[in-house]
Protein backbone atom coordinates (compact mmCIF):
# COMPACT_ATOMS: atom_id res chain seq x y z
CA MET A 1 8.67 -69.39 13.17
CA LYS A 2 8.74 -66.12 15.07
CA ASN A 3 11.76 -63.93 14.40
CA ASP A 4 12.46 -60.55 12.85
CA VAL A 5 13.33 -61.91 9.41
CA TYR A 6 10.05 -63.75 9.31
CA ARG A 7 8.13 -60.62 10.28
CA SER A 8 9.89 -58.69 7.52
CA TYR A 9 8.96 -61.49 5.12
CA LEU A 10 5.30 -61.15 6.08
CA ASN A 11 5.51 -57.35 5.85
CA SER A 12 6.73 -57.37 2.25
CA PRO A 13 4.03 -55.94 -0.05
CA PHE A 14 5.04 -58.29 -2.87
CA ARG A 15 5.08 -62.05 -3.09
CA SER A 16 8.08 -64.06 -1.88
CA ILE A 17 8.37 -67.81 -1.35
CA LYS A 18 10.69 -69.21 1.34
CA HIS A 19 11.12 -72.56 3.08
CA SER A 20 10.16 -72.47 6.75
CA THR A 21 13.62 -73.57 7.93
CA TYR A 22 15.37 -70.65 6.24
CA PHE A 23 14.40 -67.84 8.61
CA LYS A 24 16.48 -69.09 11.53
CA SER A 25 19.48 -69.38 9.20
CA TYR A 26 18.94 -65.88 7.81
CA GLU A 27 18.89 -64.51 11.36
CA HIS A 28 22.06 -66.41 12.19
CA PHE A 29 24.02 -65.16 9.17
CA PHE A 30 22.70 -61.63 8.79
CA GLU A 31 21.61 -60.27 12.20
CA LYS A 32 24.85 -58.38 12.78
CA TYR A 33 24.27 -56.23 9.69
CA ARG A 34 20.98 -54.74 10.88
CA GLY A 35 21.02 -50.97 11.08
CA LYS A 36 24.46 -50.86 9.44
CA GLU A 37 25.65 -49.21 6.27
CA PHE A 38 26.77 -52.03 3.99
CA THR A 39 26.32 -53.51 0.50
CA PHE A 40 23.98 -56.48 0.17
CA VAL A 41 23.65 -58.33 -3.15
CA GLU A 42 20.78 -60.74 -3.74
CA ILE A 43 20.75 -62.97 -6.81
CA GLY A 44 17.25 -63.93 -7.91
CA VAL A 45 14.73 -61.21 -7.01
CA LEU A 46 11.83 -62.45 -9.19
CA GLY A 47 8.70 -60.55 -8.11
CA GLY A 48 10.50 -58.17 -5.77
CA GLY A 49 9.13 -59.53 -2.51
CA SER A 50 12.53 -60.40 -1.04
CA LEU A 51 13.97 -56.96 -1.86
CA PHE A 52 11.37 -55.31 0.35
CA MET A 53 11.84 -57.99 2.99
CA TRP A 54 15.56 -57.22 3.24
CA ARG A 55 15.01 -53.47 3.29
CA ASP A 56 12.57 -53.88 6.17
CA TYR A 57 14.95 -56.21 8.02
CA PHE A 58 18.26 -54.40 7.50
CA GLY A 59 16.97 -50.84 7.69
CA PRO A 60 17.41 -47.75 5.49
CA LYS A 61 21.23 -47.64 5.64
CA ALA A 62 21.63 -50.87 3.69
CA ARG A 63 22.51 -50.65 0.02
CA ILE A 64 20.46 -53.41 -1.60
CA VAL A 65 21.44 -54.68 -5.04
CA GLY A 66 19.30 -57.14 -6.98
CA ILE A 67 20.45 -59.46 -9.76
CA ASP A 68 18.01 -61.22 -12.07
CA VAL A 69 17.91 -62.65 -15.57
CA ASN A 70 14.41 -61.28 -16.20
CA PRO A 71 14.39 -57.66 -17.51
CA ASN A 72 11.07 -57.15 -15.73
CA ALA A 73 13.03 -56.81 -12.47
CA LYS A 74 14.33 -53.43 -13.65
CA LYS A 75 11.09 -51.87 -12.45
CA TRP A 76 12.27 -52.16 -8.85
CA GLU A 77 14.80 -49.41 -9.45
CA ARG A 78 12.01 -46.89 -9.02
CA GLU A 79 11.66 -48.22 -5.46
CA GLY A 80 15.27 -47.32 -4.68
CA PHE A 81 16.95 -50.66 -5.37
CA GLU A 82 19.90 -51.15 -7.71
CA ILE A 83 19.07 -53.77 -10.32
CA TYR A 84 21.31 -55.54 -12.81
CA ILE A 85 20.00 -57.87 -15.49
CA GLY A 86 22.05 -60.84 -16.66
CA SER A 87 22.88 -64.51 -16.16
CA GLN A 88 24.71 -65.51 -13.01
CA SER A 89 26.49 -68.24 -14.98
CA ASP A 90 28.03 -65.61 -17.28
CA LYS A 91 31.53 -64.67 -16.09
CA ASP A 92 31.61 -61.62 -18.34
CA PHE A 93 28.35 -60.37 -16.82
CA TRP A 94 29.89 -60.55 -13.37
CA LYS A 95 32.97 -58.64 -14.50
CA GLU A 96 30.78 -55.75 -15.63
CA VAL A 97 28.56 -55.82 -12.54
CA LYS A 98 31.56 -55.81 -10.20
CA LYS A 99 32.90 -52.69 -11.89
CA GLU A 100 29.58 -50.98 -11.20
CA ILE A 101 28.96 -52.24 -7.67
CA GLY A 102 32.46 -52.17 -6.19
CA ASN A 103 33.24 -54.10 -3.02
CA ILE A 104 30.52 -56.23 -1.44
CA ASP A 105 29.79 -57.15 2.18
CA VAL A 106 27.06 -59.77 1.84
CA VAL A 107 25.90 -61.98 -1.04
CA LEU A 108 22.77 -64.13 -0.97
CA ASP A 109 22.44 -66.47 -3.94
CA ASP A 110 18.78 -67.34 -4.40
CA GLY A 111 19.03 -67.59 -8.18
CA GLY A 112 18.53 -70.54 -10.49
CA HIS A 113 20.15 -73.12 -8.16
CA THR A 114 21.97 -75.00 -10.94
CA TYR A 115 25.45 -76.17 -10.04
CA GLU A 116 27.01 -74.06 -12.77
CA GLN A 117 25.19 -70.94 -11.58
CA GLN A 118 26.10 -71.48 -7.95
CA ILE A 119 29.76 -72.27 -8.58
CA ILE A 120 30.40 -69.45 -11.06
CA THR A 121 28.66 -66.97 -8.76
CA VAL A 122 30.90 -67.84 -5.81
CA GLU A 123 34.08 -67.91 -7.89
CA SER A 124 33.23 -64.63 -9.60
CA LEU A 125 32.45 -62.71 -6.40
CA LEU A 126 35.10 -63.93 -3.97
CA ASP A 127 37.63 -61.32 -5.08
CA SER A 128 35.09 -58.51 -4.58
CA MET A 129 34.20 -59.33 -0.98
CA ASN A 130 35.14 -56.97 1.81
CA ASP A 131 37.10 -58.41 4.68
CA GLY A 132 34.66 -59.90 7.17
CA GLY A 133 32.09 -60.45 4.42
CA ILE A 134 29.98 -63.51 3.71
CA ILE A 135 28.57 -65.33 0.68
CA VAL A 136 25.50 -67.44 1.40
CA VAL A 137 24.22 -69.86 -1.22
CA GLU A 138 20.76 -71.22 -0.56
CA ASP A 139 18.73 -74.14 -1.91
CA THR A 140 21.88 -76.27 -1.94
CA HIS A 141 19.65 -79.34 -1.65
CA THR A 142 19.52 -79.23 -5.46
CA SER A 143 22.88 -81.04 -5.35
CA TYR A 144 20.89 -84.14 -4.39
CA MET A 145 18.26 -83.66 -7.10
CA TYR A 146 18.18 -84.23 -10.83
CA GLY A 147 17.78 -81.47 -13.38
CA PHE A 148 20.35 -79.00 -12.03
CA GLY A 149 23.52 -80.23 -13.74
CA PRO A 150 25.87 -83.23 -13.91
CA LYS A 151 26.09 -84.88 -10.50
CA LYS A 152 29.87 -85.17 -10.56
CA PHE A 153 30.01 -81.37 -10.68
CA SER A 154 27.37 -80.66 -8.04
CA PHE A 155 27.70 -77.63 -5.80
CA ILE A 156 28.12 -79.85 -2.74
CA LYS A 157 31.06 -81.62 -4.41
CA TYR A 158 32.53 -78.21 -5.19
CA VAL A 159 32.19 -77.33 -1.49
CA LYS A 160 33.85 -80.59 -0.44
CA ASN A 161 36.73 -79.71 -2.73
CA LYS A 162 36.97 -76.28 -1.07
CA ILE A 163 37.09 -77.94 2.35
CA ASP A 164 40.10 -79.95 1.16
CA GLN A 165 41.78 -76.84 -0.23
CA ILE A 166 41.28 -74.94 3.04
CA ASN A 167 42.88 -77.79 4.98
CA PHE A 168 45.78 -77.91 2.53
CA ARG A 169 46.84 -74.57 4.05
CA PHE A 170 48.25 -76.68 6.87
CA ALA A 171 52.03 -77.16 6.73
CA PHE A 172 52.05 -80.40 4.75
CA LYS A 173 55.58 -80.99 3.52
CA ASP A 174 54.90 -83.68 0.93
CA LEU A 175 51.57 -82.54 -0.52
CA LYS A 176 51.54 -80.34 -3.58
CA GLN A 177 47.87 -79.42 -3.63
CA LYS A 178 45.99 -76.27 -4.46
CA GLU A 179 45.34 -74.11 -1.38
CA GLU A 180 42.24 -71.94 -0.91
CA ARG A 181 43.05 -68.65 0.83
CA ARG A 182 40.16 -66.49 -0.39
CA ILE A 183 37.81 -68.29 2.00
CA TRP A 184 38.53 -68.47 5.71
CA SER A 185 35.74 -70.85 6.71
CA ILE A 186 32.72 -72.70 5.39
CA GLU A 187 29.55 -73.14 7.43
CA ILE A 188 26.79 -75.57 6.51
CA VAL A 189 23.17 -75.48 7.62
CA GLU A 190 20.22 -77.22 6.03
CA SER A 191 19.97 -76.12 2.38
CA MET A 192 22.49 -73.28 2.82
CA ILE A 193 26.26 -72.94 2.71
CA ALA A 194 28.10 -69.83 3.88
CA PHE A 195 31.61 -68.80 2.88
CA ARG A 196 33.18 -66.40 5.38
CA ILE A 197 35.97 -64.00 4.43
CA ASP A 198 38.85 -63.20 6.80
CA LYS A 199 41.86 -62.19 4.73
CA VAL A 200 44.32 -62.05 7.61
CA ALA A 201 43.39 -65.39 9.15
CA SER A 202 43.23 -67.24 5.83
CA HIS A 203 46.74 -66.05 4.92
CA GLU A 204 48.41 -67.01 8.17
CA VAL A 205 51.26 -69.51 7.81
CA SER A 206 50.73 -72.70 9.78
CA ILE A 207 53.78 -73.44 11.94
CA PRO A 208 54.09 -75.49 15.15
CA THR A 209 54.42 -73.52 18.39
CA ASP A 210 55.55 -74.40 21.92
CA ASN A 211 54.65 -72.43 25.04
CA LYS A 212 57.88 -73.63 26.73
CA GLY A 213 56.02 -74.83 29.79
CA GLU A 214 57.41 -77.57 32.04
CA ASP A 215 57.41 -81.00 30.35
CA ASP A 216 56.46 -83.85 32.67
CA THR A 217 57.78 -86.38 30.07
CA SER A 218 54.58 -88.46 30.12
CA GLU A 219 54.37 -91.20 27.50
CA ASP A 220 52.18 -90.28 24.54
CA LEU A 221 49.46 -92.96 24.42
CA ARG A 222 47.10 -91.25 21.98
CA TYR A 223 47.19 -94.15 19.50
CA GLY A 224 47.38 -96.94 22.03
CA ASP A 225 43.71 -97.88 21.70
CA VAL A 226 43.89 -98.02 17.89
CA LYS A 227 46.35 -100.83 17.33
CA SER A 228 46.47 -100.55 13.55
CA ILE A 229 47.42 -96.86 13.72
CA HIS A 230 49.83 -97.50 16.60
CA TYR A 231 51.56 -100.19 14.52
CA LEU A 232 51.76 -97.91 11.47
CA LYS A 233 53.34 -95.11 13.48
CA LYS A 234 56.02 -97.40 14.90
CA LEU A 235 56.70 -98.99 11.54
CA SER A 236 56.96 -95.65 9.75
CA LYS A 237 59.75 -94.61 12.12
CA LYS A 238 61.70 -97.77 11.36
CA LEU A 239 61.28 -97.21 7.64
CA ALA A 240 62.19 -93.54 7.67
CA PHE A 241 64.77 -94.23 4.96
CA LEU A 242 61.86 -94.47 2.47
CA LYS A 243 61.24 -90.74 2.73
CA ASN A 244 63.58 -90.16 -0.19
CA LEU A 245 61.98 -92.91 -2.26
CA SER A 246 58.55 -91.40 -2.79
CA PHE A 247 57.29 -94.07 -5.21
CA LEU A 248 58.07 -96.98 -2.85
CA ARG A 249 56.87 -95.00 0.15
CA ASN A 250 53.48 -94.29 -1.44
CA ILE A 251 52.95 -97.95 -2.33
CA PHE A 252 53.98 -99.02 1.16
CA TYR A 253 51.55 -96.66 2.88
CA LYS A 254 48.67 -97.53 0.58
CA VAL A 255 49.06 -101.20 1.40
CA LEU A 256 49.33 -100.58 5.14
CA TYR A 257 46.35 -98.25 5.28
CA PHE A 258 44.30 -100.71 3.24
CA LEU A 259 45.07 -103.40 5.78
CA SER A 260 44.31 -101.10 8.72
CA SER A 261 40.91 -100.24 7.21
CA LYS A 262 39.83 -103.84 7.71
CA LYS A 263 39.71 -103.25 11.48
CA PHE A 264 38.38 -99.69 11.34
CA ASN A 265 35.65 -99.50 14.02
CA ALA A 266 33.86 -96.39 12.74
CA LYS A 267 32.90 -97.71 9.29
CA GLU A 268 29.22 -97.79 10.21
CA TYR A 269 29.10 -93.98 10.28
CA PHE A 270 30.02 -93.79 6.60
CA LYS A 271 26.95 -95.68 5.46
CA LYS A 272 24.55 -93.60 3.38
């Protein structure tokens, strides 16, 4: 691995441990902040090696804040870093830290990697992120390991739930689901998940548009090669009267979609 993050990692005077695949991802997420004045918060600074790595990589204009549960990390304040001691799974700790730090541009969670720690960190910091900011949680492979929390509440399952909530921003008329508008997008790479903040885009209202171009009146054949879906679409039009009978409508669609799943040709791609 030969990139600038990796060189900064090697240049750090104190020990840091990183997986070899992480450096490309760091470069991808953080390169645009180099040489800029911004606030960077790292959770989990341990022996200080990563603090020096980020200072070398980002440059002297970066404000680097370290969070750790070990009081020993306080010693890095004499090197010009801001250090706060407390548990990342403590909501009250985050309330106090946010008052001190103010708005944040970049968060890197390299803390304890438990599901509770990862989830509470994201939820606690989302409202403190500057527009255009990013929260990156690393070592998300712990969601597939034991010893980091109950599996049904893994960080990956939390992320899947967020993906649903982002898509619920679409103009669904009959779904009453929680929408997520604090996060604009979610990006996944190996062992890392990034939450990007764009407050304007994530609060746009989804409405259909039409460019008013000439319509050649071609027949819409998009479902013609999927007979089960084609049949459902035609049938739903004939049974439009069910739209006011939600209970019957829901039962009807569940039965039809169950039957259509029997001939679903992409089932093989859902095998684990």
